[in-house]
C-alpha cells in the first residue's frame, strides 16, 4: 500500500489520505489487536445510526496494523471554534446534542469494552500513582453505580468534523460501555487543561440539556484523572492529574 499524504499524527497513530480514503496506521508499541478493536467499536457506532465514518477494511502498512475508512472532508468544530471563539456557545450546544445521541445508545457488550474494566486497567498501569492512591481510586470506582450506555471516551470539539451540513464523530478507540457521567467528566477535564472557560461552559451546557447535576459528574474526576495517568498516555503532565486527584477526599 502506498499513501499519498500524511495529514495528522496522534499519540497512538498516524493518519494518511490514500485514494480519497483515510488510513489510520497504529504505532507499533500497541497490542496487535488494537486496530481490530477500534474497527469493531467504530462499526458498532456506525450501525447504531450515529454519524460516523464507515470502516472499509483492516490491513497493514509497512508492517504496522491499519484501518481504512471513509474520508470526511470538512473542518473540525474545534478549528471552527478557534477561528471564532465568540461562537463557543453555539459549537458547544451542537456538540452536547451529539454527545447525548451517543449516550442514548444501548451498547452491544460484544462490541464494546466495559468502562469499569478499562478504568481498572488504566489505574493499575499508572506508574505516577502510589499503591495507596491506586487502591483508593479502585475502591471509589467499586462504589459507583450506573446503567451501561455507549460512551465515546475522548469526546471534544476536535473529534467532530463538520461536512456537507452534517457533523461526524471520529476517533472511537476509547469508546466503552459505561456511565455517561464519567464520559462527560472526561470531556470536562480535557477541556479544563487548555480552555478553562470552555470547560465550564461545556459542563453548564450539558447539565442544562440533560438535567444532570454538576456534582454527579464531577464525582468521577479523581477516577478519570487516575486513569489518564496510564503509562500509554505518554504526553500527559502527570502533576496536573495528580493535583485533581488530591483535590478529592478518597
Protein backbone atom coordinates (compact mmCIF):
# COMPACT_ATOMS: atom_id res chain seq x y z
CA UNK A 1 0.00 0.00 0.00
CA UNK A 2 1.33 3.46 -0.88
CA UNK A 3 -0.02 6.52 0.88
CA UNK A 4 -0.37 9.93 -0.70
CA UNK A 5 -0.38 12.40 2.19
CA UNK A 6 0.13 12.22 5.93
CA UNK A 7 -2.47 14.58 7.35
CA UNK A 8 -2.22 14.06 11.12
CA UNK A 9 -0.19 12.47 13.91
CA UNK A 10 -1.57 11.47 17.32
CA UNK A 11 -0.43 9.68 20.45
CA UNK A 12 -1.25 6.26 19.05
CA UNK A 13 -1.39 6.55 15.26
CA UNK A 14 -0.56 8.41 12.07
CA UNK A 15 -3.32 9.39 9.65
CA UNK A 16 -2.89 9.27 5.88
CA UNK A 17 -5.10 10.21 2.94
CA UNK A 18 -4.95 7.49 0.28
CA UNK A 19 -7.21 7.19 -2.78
CA UNK A 20 -9.74 9.51 -1.13
CA UNK A 21 -9.89 7.28 1.95
CA UNK A 22 -8.41 7.63 5.41
CA UNK A 23 -5.76 5.14 6.51
CA UNK A 24 -5.11 5.13 10.25
CA UNK A 25 -1.72 3.49 10.92
CA UNK A 26 -1.14 2.46 14.54
CA UNK A 27 2.15 2.80 16.40
CA UNK A 28 4.00 -0.48 16.71
CA UNK A 29 4.12 -0.50 20.53
CA UNK A 30 0.36 -1.11 20.71
CA UNK A 31 -1.18 -4.59 21.05
CA UNK A 32 -1.71 -6.44 17.76
CA UNK A 33 -5.46 -6.33 18.35
CA UNK A 34 -5.66 -2.51 18.58
CA UNK A 35 -6.84 -1.86 15.01
CA UNK A 36 -9.43 -4.64 15.11
CA UNK A 37 -10.74 -3.43 18.47
CA UNK A 38 -11.15 0.14 17.24
CA UNK A 39 -12.73 -1.01 13.97
CA UNK A 40 -15.33 -3.07 15.85
CA UNK A 41 -16.17 -0.12 18.10
CA UNK A 42 -16.48 2.28 15.16
CA UNK A 43 -18.56 -0.16 13.11
CA UNK A 44 -20.95 -0.60 16.03
CA UNK A 45 -21.38 3.18 16.36
CA UNK A 46 -21.98 3.38 12.59
CA UNK A 47 -24.54 0.56 12.70
CA UNK A 48 -26.32 2.33 15.57
CA UNK A 49 -27.18 5.18 13.21
CA UNK A 50 -24.66 7.66 14.59
CA UNK A 51 -22.87 9.96 12.12
CA UNK A 52 -19.58 8.05 11.99
CA UNK A 53 -17.14 7.38 9.10
CA UNK A 54 -17.66 3.90 7.67
CA UNK A 55 -14.89 1.34 8.15
CA UNK A 56 -13.91 -0.38 4.88
CA UNK A 57 -11.01 -2.66 5.70
CA UNK A 58 -8.30 -3.78 8.11
CA UNK A 59 -4.74 -4.38 6.94
CA UNK A 60 -1.09 -3.47 7.38
CA UNK A 61 1.15 -0.63 6.24
CA UNK A 62 4.94 -1.13 6.48
CA UNK A 63 4.36 -3.91 8.96
CA UNK A 64 2.03 -1.85 11.13
CA UNK A 65 -1.66 -2.50 11.69
CA UNK A 66 -4.02 -0.09 9.95
CA UNK A 67 -7.69 0.72 9.38
CA UNK A 68 -9.04 2.05 6.07
CA UNK A 69 -12.15 4.17 6.46
CA UNK A 70 -14.37 6.77 4.83
CA UNK A 71 -12.79 10.20 4.29
CA UNK A 72 -14.89 13.05 5.67
CA UNK A 73 -13.73 16.28 4.03
CA UNK A 74 -14.52 19.20 6.31
CA UNK A 75 -13.37 21.18 9.33
CA UNK A 76 -13.49 20.14 12.97
CA UNK A 77 -15.71 22.11 15.32
CA UNK A 78 -12.52 22.71 17.27
CA UNK A 79 -10.95 24.51 14.30
CA UNK A 80 -14.14 26.49 13.76
CA UNK A 81 -14.17 27.44 17.45
CA UNK A 82 -10.52 28.56 17.32
CA UNK A 83 -11.35 30.76 14.34
CA UNK A 84 -14.37 32.32 16.01
CA UNK A 85 -14.37 31.99 19.79
CA UNK A 86 -17.40 34.24 20.10
CA UNK A 87 -19.42 31.30 18.79
CA UNK A 88 -18.28 28.97 21.58
CA UNK A 89 -21.79 28.55 22.99
CA UNK A 90 -23.10 27.60 19.53
CA UNK A 91 -20.46 24.94 18.90
CA UNK A 92 -20.75 23.55 22.42
CA UNK A 93 -24.53 23.26 22.06
CA UNK A 94 -24.11 21.26 18.85
CA UNK A 95 -21.50 19.03 20.46
CA UNK A 96 -23.59 18.33 23.57
CA UNK A 97 -26.59 17.33 21.47
CA UNK A 98 -24.37 14.90 19.55
CA UNK A 99 -22.89 13.52 22.77
CA UNK A 100 -26.38 12.94 24.13
CA UNK A 101 -27.24 10.97 20.97
CA UNK A 102 -24.25 8.75 21.70
CA UNK A 103 -25.34 8.35 25.30
CA UNK A 104 -28.80 7.19 24.29
CA UNK A 105 -27.35 4.14 22.53
CA UNK A 106 -27.55 0.87 24.47
CA UNK A 107 -24.15 -0.74 23.88
CA UNK A 108 -23.57 -4.20 22.49
CA UNK A 109 -21.31 -5.73 25.11
CA UNK A 110 -19.80 -7.93 22.41
CA UNK A 111 -18.63 -4.84 20.53
CA UNK A 112 -17.94 -2.52 23.46
CA UNK A 113 -15.31 -2.64 26.15
CA UNK A 114 -16.65 -2.26 29.67
CA UNK A 115 -15.67 1.12 31.10
CA UNK A 116 -15.18 -0.42 34.54
CA UNK A 117 -12.60 -2.89 33.22
CA UNK A 118 -10.84 -0.24 31.19
CA UNK A 119 -10.56 2.20 34.10
CA UNK A 120 -9.31 -0.54 36.43
CA UNK A 121 -6.61 -1.49 33.96
CA UNK A 122 -5.51 2.09 33.34
CA UNK A 123 -5.34 2.98 37.04
CA UNK A 124 -3.24 -0.14 37.73
CA UNK A 125 -0.88 0.85 34.88
CA UNK A 126 -0.42 4.42 36.15
CA UNK A 127 3.22 4.49 37.26
CA UNK A 128 2.84 8.03 38.64
CA UNK A 129 0.39 6.85 41.30
CA UNK A 130 1.37 5.36 44.64
CA UNK A 131 -0.10 1.98 45.51
CA UNK A 132 -2.19 3.68 48.17
CA UNK A 133 -3.72 6.10 45.67
CA UNK A 134 -4.36 3.29 43.20
CA UNK A 135 -6.17 1.26 45.84
CA UNK A 136 -8.22 4.28 46.95
CA UNK A 137 -9.23 5.04 43.37
CA UNK A 138 -10.18 1.43 42.69
CA UNK A 139 -12.29 1.35 45.86
CA UNK A 140 -14.06 4.52 44.78
CA UNK A 141 -14.68 3.02 41.35
CA UNK A 142 -16.27 -0.01 43.01
CA UNK A 143 -18.80 2.26 44.75
CA UNK A 144 -20.04 3.83 41.50
CA UNK A 145 -23.37 2.51 40.21
CA UNK A 146 -24.74 3.20 36.74
CA UNK A 147 -26.53 1.85 33.70
CA UNK A 148 -24.23 0.98 30.81
CA UNK A 149 -24.57 3.35 27.87
CA UNK A 150 -22.35 3.97 24.87
CA UNK A 151 -19.59 6.44 25.79
CA UNK A 152 -17.13 7.92 23.31
CA UNK A 153 -14.25 8.26 25.77
CA UNK A 154 -12.46 11.12 24.01
CA UNK A 155 -15.28 13.46 23.11
CA UNK A 156 -14.36 17.05 22.28
CA UNK A 157 -14.75 19.63 19.51
CA UNK A 158 -11.65 18.44 17.66
CA UNK A 159 -13.16 14.97 17.21
CA UNK A 160 -16.22 16.38 15.45
CA UNK A 161 -15.99 17.15 11.72
CA UNK A 162 -18.50 19.45 10.04
CA UNK A 163 -19.09 18.46 6.40
CA UNK A 164 -21.99 18.82 3.97
CA UNK A 165 -24.38 20.10 6.62
CA UNK A 166 -23.66 17.20 8.96
CA UNK A 167 -21.33 16.67 11.92
CA UNK A 168 -19.38 13.40 12.05
CA UNK A 169 -17.84 11.80 15.14
CA UNK A 170 -14.33 10.40 14.76
CA UNK A 171 -11.71 8.59 16.89
CA UNK A 172 -13.57 5.75 18.62
CA UNK A 173 -10.57 3.95 20.12
CA UNK A 174 -11.50 4.93 23.70
CA UNK A 175 -15.22 4.17 23.46
CA UNK A 176 -16.76 1.88 26.04
CA UNK A 177 -19.95 0.78 27.76
CA UNK A 178 -20.27 2.75 30.96
CA UNK A 179 -21.58 5.75 32.85
CA UNK A 180 -22.45 8.82 30.79
CA UNK A 181 -21.41 10.99 33.76
CA UNK A 182 -17.89 9.61 33.52
CA UNK A 183 -17.84 10.37 29.80
CA UNK A 184 -18.94 13.95 30.43
CA UNK A 185 -16.40 14.32 33.23
CA UNK A 186 -13.60 13.19 30.93
CA UNK A 187 -14.58 15.79 28.32
CA UNK A 188 -14.73 18.46 31.00
CA UNK A 189 -11.27 17.57 32.32
CA UNK A 190 -9.76 17.51 28.82
CA UNK A 191 -11.12 20.99 28.14
CA UNK A 192 -10.02 22.29 31.55
CA UNK A 193 -6.36 21.58 30.80
CA UNK A 194 -6.30 24.09 27.94
CA UNK A 195 -9.56 26.06 27.88
CA UNK A 196 -10.90 26.57 31.40
CA UNK A 197 -13.70 28.91 30.31
CA UNK A 198 -14.75 26.47 27.59
CA UNK A 199 -14.74 23.63 30.14
CA UNK A 200 -17.11 25.46 32.47
CA UNK A 201 -19.42 26.44 29.60
CA UNK A 202 -19.47 22.86 28.35
CA UNK A 203 -20.38 21.43 31.75
CA UNK A 204 -23.10 24.02 32.25
CA UNK A 205 -24.50 23.28 28.80
CA UNK A 206 -24.57 19.51 29.31
CA UNK A 207 -26.20 19.80 32.72
CA UNK A 208 -28.84 22.17 31.35
CA UNK A 209 -29.74 19.91 28.42
CA UNK A 210 -29.61 16.64 30.38
CA UNK A 211 -30.87 17.55 33.84
CA UNK A 212 -27.78 16.01 35.43
CA UNK A 213 -26.16 17.79 38.35
CA UNK A 214 -22.61 19.09 38.21
CA UNK A 215 -21.82 17.18 41.41
CA UNK A 216 -22.93 13.89 39.84
CA UNK A 217 -20.47 14.38 37.01
CA UNK A 218 -17.51 15.67 38.99
CA UNK A 219 -17.60 12.75 41.43
CA UNK A 220 -15.85 10.87 38.61
CA UNK A 221 -12.97 13.39 38.43
CA UNK A 222 -10.37 11.56 40.58
CA UNK A 223 -11.06 8.25 38.84
CA UNK A 224 -10.79 9.74 35.35
CA UNK A 225 -7.66 11.65 36.34
CA UNK A 226 -6.06 8.49 37.73
CA UNK A 227 -6.87 6.52 34.58
CA UNK A 228 -5.43 9.32 32.47
CA UNK A 229 -2.05 8.61 34.06
CA UNK A 230 -1.86 5.26 32.32
CA UNK A 231 1.64 4.58 31.01
CA UNK A 232 0.28 4.58 27.46
CA UNK A 233 -0.62 8.29 27.68
CA UNK A 234 2.96 9.44 27.22
CA UNK A 235 2.39 13.15 26.57
CA UNK A 236 0.42 13.98 29.71
CA UNK A 237 1.55 16.24 32.52
CA UNK A 238 1.29 13.90 35.50
CA UNK A 239 1.36 16.69 38.10
CA UNK A 240 -1.86 18.22 36.78
CA UNK A 241 -3.76 14.95 37.03
CA UNK A 242 -2.38 14.12 40.47
CA UNK A 243 -3.46 17.56 41.67
CA UNK A 244 -7.01 16.78 40.55
CA UNK A 245 -6.92 13.51 42.49
CA UNK A 246 -5.60 15.21 45.61
CA UNK A 247 -8.41 17.76 45.49
CA UNK A 248 -10.85 14.99 46.41
CA UNK A 249 -11.04 13.03 49.62
CA UNK A 250 -10.62 9.34 48.83
